[in-house]
Protein backbone atom coordinates (compact mmCIF):
# COMPACT_ATOMS: atom_id res chain seq x y z
CA MET A 1 84.35 111.55 122.53
CA GLY A 2 84.42 113.27 119.12
CA TYR A 3 87.56 115.05 120.33
CA LEU A 4 89.38 111.80 120.22
CA SER A 5 88.58 111.19 116.51
CA THR A 6 89.32 114.83 115.82
CA SER A 7 92.71 114.65 117.49
CA THR A 8 93.75 111.45 115.75
CA THR A 9 92.68 113.01 112.42
CA ALA A 10 94.85 116.06 113.16
CA THR A 11 97.74 113.77 114.19
CA ILE A 12 97.42 111.89 110.82
CA GLY A 13 97.47 115.30 109.18
CA LEU A 14 100.65 116.06 110.94
CA ILE A 15 102.22 112.84 109.75
CA HIS A 16 101.16 113.63 106.11
CA THR A 17 102.64 117.14 106.39
CA TYR A 18 105.96 115.60 107.57
CA ILE A 19 105.79 113.13 104.57
CA THR A 20 105.08 116.08 102.29
CA LEU A 21 108.21 117.84 103.54
CA LEU A 22 110.34 114.78 103.13
CA GLU A 23 109.18 114.02 99.63
CA MET A 24 109.11 117.60 98.34
CA TYR A 25 112.16 119.11 100.02
CA TYR A 26 114.33 116.41 101.65
CA TRP A 27 114.09 113.59 99.18
CA ASP A 28 117.75 113.90 98.11
CA LYS A 29 119.12 115.24 101.49
CA PRO A 30 120.44 113.09 104.31
CA ARG A 31 117.15 112.93 106.15
CA GLY A 32 115.20 111.83 103.05
CA LEU A 33 117.90 109.34 101.95
CA LYS A 34 117.92 107.79 105.39
CA THR A 35 114.08 107.72 105.70
CA PHE A 36 113.45 106.20 102.34
CA GLY A 37 116.67 104.12 102.13
CA LEU A 38 117.82 105.66 98.91
CA LYS A 39 121.12 106.03 97.14
CA PRO A 40 122.04 109.66 96.29
CA ASP A 41 122.09 109.09 92.44
CA PHE A 42 118.66 107.47 92.53
CA ALA A 43 117.17 110.20 94.72
CA LYS A 44 118.50 112.85 92.37
CA GLN A 45 116.93 111.09 89.26
CA THR A 46 113.57 110.58 91.07
CA ARG A 47 113.22 113.91 92.73
CA PRO A 48 110.54 115.38 90.41
CA LEU A 49 108.43 112.12 91.11
CA ALA A 50 108.93 112.42 94.71
CA ALA A 51 107.91 116.08 94.74
CA ASN A 52 104.69 115.09 92.85
CA GLN A 53 104.00 112.47 95.52
CA GLY A 54 104.68 114.97 98.25
CA LEU A 55 102.17 117.29 96.63
CA TYR A 56 99.45 114.74 96.86
CA ASN A 57 100.37 114.08 100.50
CA GLY A 58 100.00 117.68 101.12
CA PHE A 59 96.48 117.70 99.69
CA LEU A 60 95.65 114.81 102.04
CA ALA A 61 97.08 116.77 104.93
CA ALA A 62 95.05 119.85 103.99
CA GLY A 63 91.87 117.76 103.84
CA LEU A 64 92.55 116.09 107.15
CA PHE A 65 93.11 119.49 108.83
CA TRP A 66 89.94 120.89 107.13
CA GLY A 67 87.94 117.96 108.69
CA ALA A 68 89.59 118.20 112.04
CA PHE A 69 88.93 121.84 112.49
CA HIS A 70 85.69 122.48 110.56
CA PRO A 71 83.13 124.23 112.85
CA VAL A 72 80.11 122.15 111.80
CA GLU A 73 80.62 118.64 113.46
CA GLU A 74 78.31 116.75 111.17
CA PHE A 75 80.08 118.09 108.16
CA ALA A 76 83.49 117.78 109.75
CA ALA A 77 82.97 113.99 110.38
CA GLN A 78 82.10 113.54 106.65
CA ILE A 79 85.26 115.39 105.60
CA ARG A 80 87.29 113.33 107.99
CA MET A 81 85.77 110.10 106.77
CA PHE A 82 86.53 110.95 103.14
CA PHE A 83 90.16 111.99 103.68
CA LEU A 84 90.85 109.08 106.16
CA GLY A 85 89.37 106.71 103.56
CA CYS A 86 91.71 108.15 100.96
CA VAL A 87 94.70 107.62 103.28
CA VAL A 88 93.65 103.99 104.02
CA VAL A 89 93.46 103.29 100.28
CA ALA A 90 96.76 105.08 99.51
CA GLY A 91 98.37 103.26 102.50
CA CYS A 92 97.26 99.82 101.39
CA PHE A 93 98.31 100.50 97.83
CA GLY A 94 101.72 101.81 99.02
CA ALA A 95 102.20 98.80 101.24
CA ALA A 96 101.37 96.42 98.40
CA THR A 97 103.63 98.11 95.83
CA ALA A 98 106.36 99.97 97.65
CA ASN A 99 107.09 99.21 101.37
CA ARG A 100 104.99 97.19 103.86
CA ARG A 101 105.89 99.73 106.55
CA ILE A 102 103.46 102.21 104.80
CA LEU A 103 100.51 100.03 106.05
CA PHE A 104 101.47 100.80 109.64
CA VAL A 105 102.48 104.39 109.23
CA GLN A 106 99.55 105.55 107.18
CA ALA A 107 96.74 102.92 106.68
CA VAL A 108 96.41 101.50 110.21
CA PRO A 109 96.23 104.89 112.02
CA ALA A 110 93.70 106.19 109.52
CA ALA A 111 91.59 103.00 109.93
CA VAL A 112 91.68 103.37 113.68
CA SER A 113 90.58 107.09 113.34
CA ILE A 114 87.66 105.97 111.10
CA GLY A 115 86.61 103.45 113.77
CA LEU A 116 86.62 106.23 116.29
CA ILE A 117 84.37 108.38 114.13
CA TRP A 118 81.91 105.42 113.77
CA LEU A 119 81.98 104.82 117.50
CA TRP A 120 81.81 108.38 118.90
CA GLY A 121 81.45 110.72 115.98
């Protein structure tokens, strides 16, 4: 059943890759404006901040993929736990300070994946 926690971790990595692209490249484009509910002038002013945020999401994605595809399962599970924990913390903080939707897009799936690791490795 370890494949289930591995596949959920990889899926969360894909979500964070998408978030990275939105924040770094599409923040002030129609897709980013719609996704984040931004006005064009605000998006233009905050683009550097969003790119920085996107970079951090890219680091999370890289760590999640590292954990999902590391060949030594015992070490891979530790990597997944660390990066999923980071996603849970970031998702809770984002939900508390920015948008409650972040809790359900980021934190809850990561918490479910952590639960799968605890149950089946």
